[in-house]
Amino acid sequence: MSYLYPLVIFDLDGTLVDSAADIAEALNRTLEDWQLPRVPEATVLTWIGDGVRRLVEQAFTAARSDIDLDRVMPGFMRHYEACLLRSPRLYDGVVPALEALRARNVTLAICTNKPLAMVAPLLAHLGVQDFFAMVLGGDSLPERKPSGVPLRHIAAAFGVAPTAALMVGDSITDYRAAVDAGMPVALVRYGYPRGLDLETVDAVAVVDDLRSLPGL
């Protein structure tokens, strides 16, 4: 049975994987290193999605710190790696959805703003690395989401027009990337939307579970 989209590109954090607690812990350990107060996980959720440097920048700005980020980032990356596999979990429905798409010969890819070096260990830890034909991280190309460049890059790699592929994400960053790429987008309700109004957004679907993606 054929599927509506020959190529489906997934965001990672907040879409496939619940990793917020681990990201928040890495960030809070970094703040502690600089004698700054920890912040609640709920606050960190509002900062996730635009890449690690932007994440750290927002945290230090909120703490009213003017420490040079170039001094901060090496320590953050050490904490990020140390916390990567503390407690991540796949959201309900992820594996059945991926299996259903693969059974229909859909090409699956990941486009995340997470540093690429952190993606493979996470996918392997969760046992889903073999589902994906391509993985792009936030540092894989000169531009990252919300630029549409990474999505167009993946589509071109598989000879699929952006208008024929589907982006699946959770945030305003994913939505803007899809719009910029000219790619249809489906959004999940359970992620880190960061100001995206899921009730009014122009998406092909807004789902509570990836098994509800169009055509599954």
N, C-alpha and C. Protein backbone atom coordinates (compact mmCIF):
# COMPACT_ATOMS: atom_id res chain seq x y z
N MET A 1 0.85 -1.20 0.00
CA MET A 1 0.00 0.00 0.00
C MET A 1 0.88 1.24 0.00
N SER A 2 0.61 2.16 -0.89
CA SER A 2 1.41 3.37 -0.95
C SER A 2 0.94 4.36 0.12
N TYR A 3 1.80 5.31 0.41
CA TYR A 3 1.50 6.31 1.43
C TYR A 3 1.44 7.68 0.77
N LEU A 4 0.67 8.54 1.36
CA LEU A 4 0.45 9.87 0.82
C LEU A 4 1.76 10.62 0.57
N TYR A 5 2.75 10.44 1.49
CA TYR A 5 4.04 11.13 1.37
C TYR A 5 5.15 10.09 1.25
N PRO A 6 5.98 10.16 0.20
CA PRO A 6 7.07 9.19 0.06
C PRO A 6 8.22 9.44 1.04
N LEU A 7 8.27 10.66 1.60
CA LEU A 7 9.33 11.04 2.53
C LEU A 7 8.71 11.77 3.71
N VAL A 8 9.01 11.29 4.93
CA VAL A 8 8.55 11.96 6.15
C VAL A 8 9.77 12.32 6.99
N ILE A 9 9.87 13.60 7.32
CA ILE A 9 11.01 14.11 8.08
C ILE A 9 10.54 14.50 9.48
N PHE A 10 11.17 13.93 10.50
CA PHE A 10 10.77 14.17 11.88
C PHE A 10 11.74 15.10 12.59
N ASP A 11 11.20 15.99 13.39
CA ASP A 11 11.99 16.62 14.45
C ASP A 11 12.29 15.55 15.49
N LEU A 12 13.18 15.84 16.43
CA LEU A 12 13.57 14.84 17.43
C LEU A 12 13.02 15.17 18.81
N ASP A 13 13.61 16.16 19.47
CA ASP A 13 13.19 16.50 20.84
C ASP A 13 11.80 17.13 20.83
N GLY A 14 10.89 16.54 21.58
CA GLY A 14 9.54 17.05 21.65
C GLY A 14 8.60 16.45 20.63
N THR A 15 9.16 15.71 19.68
CA THR A 15 8.35 15.06 18.64
C THR A 15 8.46 13.54 18.74
N LEU A 16 9.68 13.04 18.70
CA LEU A 16 9.91 11.60 18.87
C LEU A 16 10.31 11.26 20.31
N VAL A 17 11.10 12.14 20.90
CA VAL A 17 11.75 11.84 22.19
C VAL A 17 11.42 12.89 23.23
N ASP A 18 11.04 12.43 24.41
CA ASP A 18 10.89 13.32 25.57
C ASP A 18 12.24 13.37 26.28
N SER A 19 12.95 14.45 26.06
CA SER A 19 14.31 14.60 26.58
C SER A 19 14.44 15.85 27.44
N ALA A 20 13.31 16.48 27.76
CA ALA A 20 13.34 17.78 28.42
C ALA A 20 14.07 17.73 29.76
N ALA A 21 13.82 16.68 30.55
CA ALA A 21 14.44 16.61 31.88
C ALA A 21 15.96 16.55 31.77
N ASP A 22 16.46 15.85 30.77
CA ASP A 22 17.91 15.70 30.60
C ASP A 22 18.55 17.00 30.10
N ILE A 23 17.87 17.67 29.17
CA ILE A 23 18.37 18.95 28.69
C ILE A 23 18.37 19.97 29.82
N ALA A 24 17.29 19.97 30.60
CA ALA A 24 17.20 20.91 31.73
C ALA A 24 18.30 20.65 32.75
N GLU A 25 18.60 19.39 33.02
CA GLU A 25 19.64 19.08 33.99
C GLU A 25 21.01 19.54 33.50
N ALA A 26 21.28 19.32 32.22
CA ALA A 26 22.56 19.78 31.66
C ALA A 26 22.68 21.29 31.77
N LEU A 27 21.59 21.98 31.47
CA LEU A 27 21.60 23.43 31.54
C LEU A 27 21.76 23.91 32.98
N ASN A 28 21.07 23.27 33.91
CA ASN A 28 21.17 23.67 35.31
C ASN A 28 22.54 23.39 35.90
N ARG A 29 23.17 22.31 35.50
CA ARG A 29 24.55 22.05 35.96
C ARG A 29 25.50 23.13 35.45
N THR A 30 25.21 23.60 34.23
CA THR A 30 26.03 24.67 33.66
C THR A 30 25.83 25.97 34.43
N LEU A 31 24.60 26.29 34.74
CA LEU A 31 24.32 27.49 35.54
C LEU A 31 25.02 27.41 36.89
N GLU A 32 24.97 26.25 37.52
CA GLU A 32 25.63 26.07 38.82
C GLU A 32 27.13 26.28 38.72
N ASP A 33 27.70 25.83 37.60
CA ASP A 33 29.15 26.02 37.40
C ASP A 33 29.53 27.50 37.49
N TRP A 34 28.61 28.37 37.11
CA TRP A 34 28.87 29.81 37.10
C TRP A 34 28.16 30.53 38.26
N GLN A 35 27.83 29.75 39.30
CA GLN A 35 27.21 30.29 40.51
C GLN A 35 25.90 31.03 40.22
N LEU A 36 25.15 30.48 39.28
CA LEU A 36 23.85 31.04 38.93
C LEU A 36 22.75 30.05 39.36
N PRO A 37 21.56 30.56 39.69
CA PRO A 37 20.50 29.67 40.21
C PRO A 37 19.93 28.75 39.14
N ARG A 38 19.56 27.56 39.57
CA ARG A 38 18.88 26.61 38.69
C ARG A 38 17.52 27.17 38.29
N VAL A 39 17.00 26.68 37.18
CA VAL A 39 15.69 27.11 36.71
C VAL A 39 14.78 25.90 36.55
N PRO A 40 13.47 26.08 36.68
CA PRO A 40 12.54 24.95 36.55
C PRO A 40 12.55 24.35 35.15
N GLU A 41 12.27 23.06 35.08
CA GLU A 41 12.20 22.40 33.78
C GLU A 41 11.17 23.07 32.88
N ALA A 42 10.06 23.51 33.45
CA ALA A 42 9.01 24.16 32.66
C ALA A 42 9.54 25.41 31.95
N THR A 43 10.46 26.10 32.60
CA THR A 43 11.06 27.28 31.98
C THR A 43 11.99 26.87 30.84
N VAL A 44 12.77 25.83 31.07
CA VAL A 44 13.69 25.35 30.03
C VAL A 44 12.92 24.93 28.78
N LEU A 45 11.72 24.37 28.98
CA LEU A 45 10.91 23.94 27.84
C LEU A 45 10.64 25.09 26.88
N THR A 46 10.52 26.28 27.40
CA THR A 46 10.22 27.44 26.56
C THR A 46 11.44 27.88 25.76
N TRP A 47 12.61 27.34 26.07
CA TRP A 47 13.85 27.72 25.39
C TRP A 47 14.35 26.66 24.41
N ILE A 48 13.81 25.45 24.44
CA ILE A 48 14.30 24.35 23.62
C ILE A 48 13.82 24.51 22.18
N GLY A 49 14.71 24.25 21.23
CA GLY A 49 14.30 24.16 19.84
C GLY A 49 15.11 24.93 18.84
N ASP A 50 15.89 25.91 19.30
CA ASP A 50 16.67 26.72 18.37
C ASP A 50 18.16 26.42 18.42
N GLY A 51 18.52 25.26 18.96
CA GLY A 51 19.92 24.88 19.04
C GLY A 51 20.50 25.16 20.42
N VAL A 52 21.63 24.50 20.72
CA VAL A 52 22.17 24.55 22.07
C VAL A 52 22.72 25.91 22.45
N ARG A 53 23.35 26.59 21.53
CA ARG A 53 23.91 27.90 21.89
C ARG A 53 22.79 28.89 22.25
N ARG A 54 21.72 28.87 21.47
CA ARG A 54 20.60 29.74 21.76
C ARG A 54 19.95 29.36 23.10
N LEU A 55 19.90 28.08 23.39
CA LEU A 55 19.37 27.61 24.68
C LEU A 55 20.17 28.21 25.84
N VAL A 56 21.48 28.08 25.76
CA VAL A 56 22.34 28.60 26.83
C VAL A 56 22.26 30.12 26.89
N GLU A 57 22.22 30.74 25.74
CA GLU A 57 22.13 32.20 25.70
C GLU A 57 20.88 32.70 26.43
N GLN A 58 19.76 32.05 26.17
CA GLN A 58 18.51 32.47 26.82
C GLN A 58 18.58 32.28 28.33
N ALA A 59 19.19 31.18 28.77
CA ALA A 59 19.30 30.92 30.21
C ALA A 59 20.17 31.96 30.90
N PHE A 60 21.29 32.28 30.29
CA PHE A 60 22.21 33.24 30.92
C PHE A 60 21.65 34.66 30.84
N THR A 61 20.91 34.96 29.78
CA THR A 61 20.25 36.26 29.70
C THR A 61 19.19 36.38 30.80
N ALA A 62 18.42 35.32 31.00
CA ALA A 62 17.39 35.33 32.04
C ALA A 62 18.00 35.49 33.42
N ALA A 63 19.23 34.96 33.59
CA ALA A 63 19.93 35.08 34.87
C ALA A 63 20.66 36.41 35.00
N ARG A 64 20.49 37.28 33.99
CA ARG A 64 21.14 38.59 33.96
C ARG A 64 22.67 38.47 34.04
N SER A 65 23.17 37.48 33.34
CA SER A 65 24.61 37.26 33.30
C SER A 65 25.15 37.72 31.95
N ASP A 66 26.30 38.37 31.97
CA ASP A 66 26.92 38.79 30.72
C ASP A 66 28.22 38.02 30.46
N ILE A 67 28.30 36.83 31.03
CA ILE A 67 29.47 35.98 30.80
C ILE A 67 29.54 35.62 29.31
N ASP A 68 30.73 35.63 28.76
CA ASP A 68 30.95 35.31 27.35
C ASP A 68 30.52 33.85 27.09
N LEU A 69 29.58 33.67 26.16
CA LEU A 69 29.09 32.32 25.88
C LEU A 69 30.19 31.39 25.38
N ASP A 70 31.20 31.93 24.72
CA ASP A 70 32.30 31.08 24.26
C ASP A 70 33.02 30.42 25.43
N ARG A 71 32.96 31.04 26.60
CA ARG A 71 33.55 30.43 27.80
C ARG A 71 32.61 29.39 28.41
N VAL A 72 31.33 29.57 28.18
CA VAL A 72 30.33 28.71 28.80
C VAL A 72 30.10 27.42 28.03
N MET A 73 30.12 27.50 26.70
CA MET A 73 29.67 26.38 25.87
C MET A 73 30.45 25.07 26.06
N PRO A 74 31.78 25.10 26.22
CA PRO A 74 32.47 23.81 26.40
C PRO A 74 31.96 23.05 27.62
N GLY A 75 31.74 23.75 28.72
CA GLY A 75 31.22 23.10 29.91
C GLY A 75 29.81 22.59 29.71
N PHE A 76 28.99 23.40 29.02
CA PHE A 76 27.63 22.95 28.74
C PHE A 76 27.65 21.67 27.91
N MET A 77 28.49 21.62 26.89
CA MET A 77 28.52 20.44 26.04
C MET A 77 28.96 19.20 26.81
N ARG A 78 29.85 19.37 27.76
CA ARG A 78 30.22 18.22 28.60
C ARG A 78 29.03 17.74 29.42
N HIS A 79 28.30 18.67 30.00
CA HIS A 79 27.10 18.29 30.77
C HIS A 79 26.03 17.70 29.86
N TYR A 80 25.90 18.26 28.67
CA TYR A 80 24.89 17.78 27.72
C TYR A 80 25.15 16.32 27.36
N GLU A 81 26.40 16.00 27.11
CA GLU A 81 26.76 14.62 26.79
C GLU A 81 26.55 13.72 28.00
N ALA A 82 26.93 14.20 29.19
CA ALA A 82 26.80 13.40 30.41
C ALA A 82 25.34 13.11 30.74
N CYS A 83 24.45 14.05 30.40
CA CYS A 83 23.03 13.91 30.74
C CYS A 83 22.20 13.31 29.61
N LEU A 84 22.82 13.07 28.47
CA LEU A 84 22.08 12.70 27.27
C LEU A 84 21.19 11.47 27.46
N LEU A 85 21.71 10.48 28.17
CA LEU A 85 21.01 9.20 28.29
C LEU A 85 20.50 8.97 29.71
N ARG A 86 20.32 10.03 30.48
CA ARG A 86 19.83 9.88 31.85
C ARG A 86 18.42 9.29 31.89
N SER A 87 17.51 9.89 31.13
CA SER A 87 16.11 9.44 31.23
C SER A 87 15.27 9.72 29.99
N PRO A 88 15.87 9.72 28.79
CA PRO A 88 15.03 9.99 27.62
C PRO A 88 14.07 8.84 27.36
N ARG A 89 12.93 9.17 26.78
CA ARG A 89 11.97 8.12 26.41
C ARG A 89 11.27 8.51 25.13
N LEU A 90 10.91 7.49 24.38
CA LEU A 90 10.10 7.73 23.18
C LEU A 90 8.67 8.03 23.61
N TYR A 91 8.05 8.95 22.94
CA TYR A 91 6.64 9.20 23.21
C TYR A 91 5.80 8.00 22.78
N ASP A 92 4.64 7.86 23.41
CA ASP A 92 3.73 6.78 23.04
C ASP A 92 3.38 6.89 21.56
N GLY A 93 3.37 5.76 20.90
CA GLY A 93 2.98 5.73 19.50
C GLY A 93 4.09 5.89 18.50
N VAL A 94 5.28 6.26 18.97
CA VAL A 94 6.38 6.53 18.03
C VAL A 94 6.77 5.28 17.26
N VAL A 95 7.08 4.20 17.95
CA VAL A 95 7.56 2.99 17.27
C VAL A 95 6.49 2.41 16.35
N PRO A 96 5.24 2.26 16.81
CA PRO A 96 4.22 1.76 15.88
C PRO A 96 4.06 2.63 14.64
N ALA A 97 4.15 3.95 14.80
CA ALA A 97 4.03 4.84 13.65
C ALA A 97 5.19 4.66 12.69
N LEU A 98 6.41 4.59 13.24
CA LEU A 98 7.58 4.38 12.38
C LEU A 98 7.49 3.04 11.66
N GLU A 99 7.04 2.01 12.36
CA GLU A 99 6.90 0.69 11.75
C GLU A 99 5.86 0.71 10.63
N ALA A 100 4.76 1.41 10.86
CA ALA A 100 3.70 1.48 9.85
C ALA A 100 4.19 2.22 8.61
N LEU A 101 4.94 3.30 8.82
CA LEU A 101 5.47 4.05 7.67
C LEU A 101 6.49 3.21 6.91
N ARG A 102 7.35 2.54 7.63
CA ARG A 102 8.36 1.71 6.97
C ARG A 102 7.71 0.58 6.18
N ALA A 103 6.62 0.02 6.72
CA ALA A 103 5.91 -1.06 6.02
C ALA A 103 5.32 -0.58 4.70
N ARG A 104 5.12 0.73 4.58
CA ARG A 104 4.59 1.30 3.35
C ARG A 104 5.70 1.89 2.48
N ASN A 105 6.94 1.53 2.80
CA ASN A 105 8.11 1.95 2.01
C ASN A 105 8.32 3.45 1.99
N VAL A 106 7.93 4.10 3.07
CA VAL A 106 8.18 5.54 3.21
C VAL A 106 9.62 5.74 3.69
N THR A 107 10.33 6.67 3.07
CA THR A 107 11.66 7.04 3.53
C THR A 107 11.51 7.95 4.74
N LEU A 108 12.24 7.64 5.81
CA LEU A 108 12.15 8.40 7.06
C LEU A 108 13.49 9.10 7.33
N ALA A 109 13.41 10.34 7.80
CA ALA A 109 14.61 11.11 8.11
C ALA A 109 14.35 11.94 9.37
N ILE A 110 15.44 12.45 9.94
CA ILE A 110 15.36 13.33 11.11
C ILE A 110 16.03 14.65 10.77
N CYS A 111 15.39 15.73 11.12
CA CYS A 111 15.97 17.06 11.03
C CYS A 111 15.81 17.73 12.39
N THR A 112 16.91 17.83 13.12
CA THR A 112 16.88 18.36 14.48
C THR A 112 17.91 19.48 14.61
N ASN A 113 17.69 20.35 15.56
CA ASN A 113 18.70 21.37 15.86
C ASN A 113 19.67 20.90 16.94
N LYS A 114 19.51 19.68 17.41
CA LYS A 114 20.45 19.08 18.36
C LYS A 114 21.79 18.86 17.64
N PRO A 115 22.92 19.07 18.33
CA PRO A 115 24.21 18.79 17.68
C PRO A 115 24.25 17.35 17.17
N LEU A 116 24.75 17.17 15.97
CA LEU A 116 24.69 15.85 15.33
C LEU A 116 25.36 14.76 16.18
N ALA A 117 26.46 15.09 16.83
CA ALA A 117 27.18 14.09 17.63
C ALA A 117 26.33 13.52 18.77
N MET A 118 25.30 14.26 19.17
CA MET A 118 24.44 13.80 20.27
C MET A 118 23.25 12.98 19.78
N VAL A 119 23.04 12.94 18.47
CA VAL A 119 21.84 12.29 17.96
C VAL A 119 21.99 10.78 17.87
N ALA A 120 23.09 10.30 17.29
CA ALA A 120 23.26 8.86 17.10
C ALA A 120 23.23 8.08 18.42
N PRO A 121 23.95 8.53 19.47
CA PRO A 121 23.88 7.80 20.73
C PRO A 121 22.46 7.73 21.30
N LEU A 122 21.71 8.82 21.12
CA LEU A 122 20.35 8.86 21.64
C LEU A 122 19.45 7.89 20.87
N LEU A 123 19.54 7.90 19.54
CA LEU A 123 18.73 6.99 18.75
C LEU A 123 19.08 5.54 19.04
N ALA A 124 20.38 5.26 19.20
CA ALA A 124 20.80 3.89 19.50
C ALA A 124 20.30 3.45 20.87
N HIS A 125 20.40 4.34 21.85
CA HIS A 125 19.92 4.05 23.20
C HIS A 125 18.43 3.70 23.20
N LEU A 126 17.68 4.37 22.35
CA LEU A 126 16.23 4.15 22.29
C LEU A 126 15.84 3.06 21.29
N GLY A 127 16.82 2.54 20.55
CA GLY A 127 16.58 1.42 19.65
C GLY A 127 15.87 1.76 18.36
N VAL A 128 15.97 3.01 17.91
CA VAL A 128 15.25 3.40 16.69
C VAL A 128 16.17 3.88 15.58
N GLN A 129 17.47 3.68 15.73
CA GLN A 129 18.41 4.25 14.76
C GLN A 129 18.22 3.68 13.37
N ASP A 130 17.75 2.44 13.25
CA ASP A 130 17.67 1.81 11.93
C ASP A 130 16.46 2.25 11.11
N PHE A 131 15.59 3.03 11.69
CA PHE A 131 14.42 3.51 10.94
C PHE A 131 14.77 4.63 9.96
N PHE A 132 15.87 5.34 10.21
CA PHE A 132 16.09 6.60 9.52
C PHE A 132 17.20 6.52 8.47
N ALA A 133 16.85 6.96 7.26
CA ALA A 133 17.79 6.91 6.13
C ALA A 133 18.75 8.09 6.15
N MET A 134 18.38 9.17 6.82
CA MET A 134 19.26 10.34 6.93
C MET A 134 18.95 11.07 8.22
N VAL A 135 19.99 11.60 8.84
CA VAL A 135 19.84 12.41 10.05
C VAL A 135 20.66 13.68 9.88
N LEU A 136 20.01 14.81 10.04
CA LEU A 136 20.70 16.10 10.04
C LEU A 136 20.60 16.72 11.43
N GLY A 137 21.74 17.21 11.94
CA GLY A 137 21.76 17.92 13.20
C GLY A 137 21.81 19.42 12.98
N GLY A 138 21.79 20.15 14.07
CA GLY A 138 21.79 21.60 13.97
C GLY A 138 23.10 22.17 13.43
N ASP A 139 24.15 21.34 13.45
CA ASP A 139 25.45 21.78 12.96
C ASP A 139 25.88 21.05 11.68
N SER A 140 24.92 20.36 11.03
CA SER A 140 25.25 19.60 9.82
C SER A 140 25.43 20.50 8.60
N LEU A 141 24.69 21.59 8.55
CA LEU A 141 24.71 22.51 7.42
C LEU A 141 24.95 23.93 7.93
N PRO A 142 25.28 24.86 7.05
CA PRO A 142 25.48 26.25 7.49
C PRO A 142 24.22 26.87 8.11
N GLU A 143 23.05 26.38 7.71
CA GLU A 143 21.80 26.90 8.27
C GLU A 143 21.04 25.77 8.96
N ARG A 144 20.28 26.15 9.99
CA ARG A 144 19.45 25.17 10.70
C ARG A 144 18.03 25.72 10.78
N LYS A 145 17.08 24.87 11.21
CA LYS A 145 15.72 25.35 11.41
C LYS A 145 15.73 26.57 12.32
N PRO A 146 14.94 27.62 12.08
CA PRO A 146 13.76 27.67 11.21
C PRO A 146 14.03 27.92 9.72
N SER A 147 15.27 27.93 9.29
CA SER A 147 15.54 27.95 7.85
C SER A 147 14.99 26.67 7.23
N GLY A 148 14.49 26.79 6.02
CA GLY A 148 14.02 25.61 5.31
C GLY A 148 15.12 24.86 4.59
N VAL A 149 16.35 25.36 4.65
CA VAL A 149 17.46 24.74 3.94
C VAL A 149 17.65 23.26 4.32
N PRO A 150 17.67 22.90 5.61
CA PRO A 150 17.87 21.48 5.93
C PRO A 150 16.77 20.58 5.37
N LEU A 151 15.53 21.04 5.41
CA LEU A 151 14.43 20.22 4.88
C LEU A 151 14.56 20.06 3.37
N ARG A 152 14.90 21.14 2.68
CA ARG A 152 15.09 21.04 1.23
C ARG A 152 16.28 20.14 0.90
N HIS A 153 17.33 20.19 1.73
CA HIS A 153 18.51 19.34 1.54
C HIS A 153 18.12 17.86 1.62
N ILE A 154 17.34 17.51 2.62
CA ILE A 154 16.92 16.11 2.77
C ILE A 154 16.04 15.69 1.61
N ALA A 155 15.09 16.53 1.23
CA ALA A 155 14.21 16.19 0.11
C ALA A 155 15.00 15.97 -1.17
N ALA A 156 15.96 16.86 -1.41
CA ALA A 156 16.78 16.73 -2.62
C ALA A 156 17.60 15.44 -2.61
N ALA A 157 18.06 15.05 -1.43
CA ALA A 157 18.90 13.84 -1.32
C ALA A 157 18.13 12.60 -1.77
N PHE A 158 16.81 12.64 -1.61
CA PHE A 158 16.00 11.47 -1.98
C PHE A 158 15.17 11.72 -3.24
N GLY A 159 15.46 12.82 -3.92
CA GLY A 159 14.77 13.10 -5.17
C GLY A 159 13.28 13.35 -5.02
N VAL A 160 12.91 13.94 -3.87
CA VAL A 160 11.51 14.22 -3.59
C VAL A 160 11.32 15.74 -3.55
N ALA A 161 10.29 16.23 -4.22
CA ALA A 161 9.99 17.66 -4.15
C ALA A 161 9.57 18.01 -2.73
N PRO A 162 10.00 19.16 -2.20
CA PRO A 162 9.58 19.55 -0.85
C PRO A 162 8.06 19.52 -0.67
N THR A 163 7.32 19.88 -1.70
CA THR A 163 5.86 19.89 -1.61
C THR A 163 5.27 18.50 -1.49
N ALA A 164 6.06 17.46 -1.80
CA ALA A 164 5.58 16.08 -1.75
C ALA A 164 5.99 15.37 -0.47
N ALA A 165 6.84 16.02 0.34
CA ALA A 165 7.29 15.42 1.60
C ALA A 165 6.47 15.98 2.76
N LEU A 166 6.64 15.38 3.93
CA LEU A 166 5.94 15.84 5.13
C LEU A 166 6.93 16.06 6.26
N MET A 167 6.87 17.25 6.86
CA MET A 167 7.63 17.55 8.07
C MET A 167 6.73 17.30 9.27
N VAL A 168 7.26 16.61 10.28
CA VAL A 168 6.50 16.36 11.51
C VAL A 168 7.28 16.95 12.68
N GLY A 169 6.68 17.91 13.36
CA GLY A 169 7.38 18.58 14.45
C GLY A 169 6.43 19.00 15.56
N ASP A 170 6.97 19.80 16.47
CA ASP A 170 6.19 20.19 17.65
C ASP A 170 6.24 21.68 17.94
N SER A 171 7.10 22.41 17.25
CA SER A 171 7.38 23.78 17.69
C SER A 171 7.25 24.80 16.58
N ILE A 172 7.29 26.05 16.98
CA ILE A 172 7.24 27.13 16.01
C ILE A 172 8.47 27.10 15.10
N THR A 173 9.58 26.58 15.61
CA THR A 173 10.79 26.45 14.79
C THR A 173 10.56 25.46 13.66
N ASP A 174 9.93 24.32 13.96
CA ASP A 174 9.63 23.33 12.94
C ASP A 174 8.64 23.88 11.92
N TYR A 175 7.62 24.56 12.41
CA TYR A 175 6.60 25.13 11.53
C TYR A 175 7.21 26.13 10.56
N ARG A 176 8.03 27.03 11.08
CA ARG A 176 8.65 28.05 10.22
C ARG A 176 9.59 27.41 9.20
N ALA A 177 10.29 26.36 9.60
CA ALA A 177 11.18 25.66 8.66
C ALA A 177 10.38 25.04 7.52
N ALA A 178 9.26 24.42 7.87
CA ALA A 178 8.43 23.79 6.84
C ALA A 178 7.86 24.83 5.89
N VAL A 179 7.38 25.93 6.44
CA VAL A 179 6.84 27.00 5.59
C VAL A 179 7.92 27.53 4.66
N ASP A 180 9.12 27.74 5.20
CA ASP A 180 10.23 28.26 4.40
C ASP A 180 10.63 27.28 3.30
N ALA A 181 10.50 25.98 3.59
CA ALA A 181 10.87 24.95 2.61
C ALA A 181 9.76 24.67 1.62
N GLY A 182 8.55 25.20 1.87
CA GLY A 182 7.42 24.87 1.01
C GLY A 182 6.95 23.45 1.21
N MET A 183 7.07 22.95 2.46
CA MET A 183 6.77 21.56 2.78
C MET A 183 5.54 21.47 3.68
N PRO A 184 4.60 20.58 3.39
CA PRO A 184 3.49 20.36 4.31
C PRO A 184 4.02 19.97 5.70
N VAL A 185 3.27 20.36 6.74
CA VAL A 185 3.73 20.08 8.09
C VAL A 185 2.59 19.51 8.93
N ALA A 186 2.91 18.52 9.73
CA ALA A 186 2.01 17.99 10.75
C ALA A 186 2.66 18.26 12.11
N LEU A 187 1.85 18.57 13.09
CA LEU A 187 2.36 18.95 14.40
C LEU A 187 1.76 18.07 15.50
N VAL A 188 2.54 17.86 16.55
CA VAL A 188 2.06 17.10 17.70
C VAL A 188 1.70 18.07 18.83
N ARG A 189 0.73 17.66 19.64
CA ARG A 189 0.26 18.53 20.72
C ARG A 189 1.11 18.42 21.98
N TYR A 190 1.90 17.35 22.10
CA TYR A 190 2.54 17.03 23.38
C TYR A 190 3.95 17.60 23.54
N GLY A 191 4.45 18.32 22.56
CA GLY A 191 5.86 18.73 22.58
C GLY A 191 6.09 20.05 23.25
N TYR A 192 7.00 20.84 22.66
CA TYR A 192 7.42 22.12 23.22
C TYR A 192 7.07 23.21 22.20
N PRO A 193 5.79 23.62 22.11
CA PRO A 193 5.37 24.49 21.01
C PRO A 193 5.98 25.89 21.01
N ARG A 194 6.33 26.42 22.22
CA ARG A 194 7.03 27.69 22.31
C ARG A 194 6.31 28.81 21.55
N GLY A 195 5.03 29.01 21.89
CA GLY A 195 4.31 30.14 21.32
C GLY A 195 3.53 29.82 20.06
N LEU A 196 3.64 28.62 19.54
CA LEU A 196 2.89 28.23 18.36
C LEU A 196 1.45 27.90 18.75
N ASP A 197 0.49 28.56 18.14
CA ASP A 197 -0.92 28.30 18.43
C ASP A 197 -1.38 27.11 17.60
N LEU A 198 -1.48 25.97 18.24
CA LEU A 198 -1.81 24.74 17.53
C LEU A 198 -3.26 24.71 17.04
N GLU A 199 -4.08 25.60 17.58
CA GLU A 199 -5.49 25.61 17.18
C GLU A 199 -5.70 26.37 15.87
N THR A 200 -4.83 27.28 15.54
CA THR A 200 -5.03 28.11 14.35
C THR A 200 -3.95 27.90 13.28
N VAL A 201 -2.94 27.12 13.59
CA VAL A 201 -1.82 26.97 12.67
C VAL A 201 -2.25 26.26 11.38
N ASP A 202 -1.62 26.61 10.27
CA ASP A 202 -1.93 26.02 8.97
C ASP A 202 -1.11 24.74 8.79
N ALA A 203 -1.65 23.64 9.33
CA ALA A 203 -0.96 22.34 9.25
C ALA A 203 -1.91 21.31 8.64
N VAL A 204 -1.33 20.28 8.03
CA VAL A 204 -2.17 19.23 7.45
C VAL A 204 -2.84 18.41 8.55
N ALA A 205 -2.22 18.40 9.75
CA ALA A 205 -2.81 17.70 10.89
C ALA A 205 -2.13 18.17 12.16
N VAL A 206 -2.88 18.15 13.25
CA VAL A 206 -2.34 18.34 14.59
C VAL A 206 -2.79 17.14 15.40
N VAL A 207 -1.83 16.33 15.87
CA VAL A 207 -2.16 15.02 16.44
C VAL A 207 -1.68 14.89 17.88
N ASP A 208 -2.35 14.02 18.61
CA ASP A 208 -1.96 13.70 19.98
C ASP A 208 -1.04 12.49 20.03
N ASP A 209 -0.95 11.78 18.93
CA ASP A 209 -0.19 10.53 18.86
C ASP A 209 0.23 10.36 17.41
N LEU A 210 1.50 9.96 17.19
CA LEU A 210 1.98 9.84 15.81
C LEU A 210 1.25 8.78 15.02
N ARG A 211 0.57 7.88 15.70
CA ARG A 211 -0.23 6.89 14.96
C ARG A 211 -1.43 7.54 14.27
N SER A 212 -1.69 8.82 14.59
CA SER A 212 -2.79 9.56 13.96
C SER A 212 -2.32 10.39 12.78
N LEU A 213 -1.08 10.23 12.36
CA LEU A 213 -0.60 10.97 11.18
C LEU A 213 -1.50 10.66 9.98
N PRO A 214 -1.67 11.62 9.08
CA PRO A 214 -2.53 11.40 7.91
C PRO A 214 -2.14 10.13 7.15
N GLY A 215 -3.15 9.31 6.90
CA GLY A 215 -2.92 8.11 6.11
C GLY A 215 -2.53 6.88 6.87
N LEU A 216 -2.24 7.01 8.19
CA LEU A 216 -1.87 5.82 8.97
C LEU A 216 -3.11 5.17 9.55
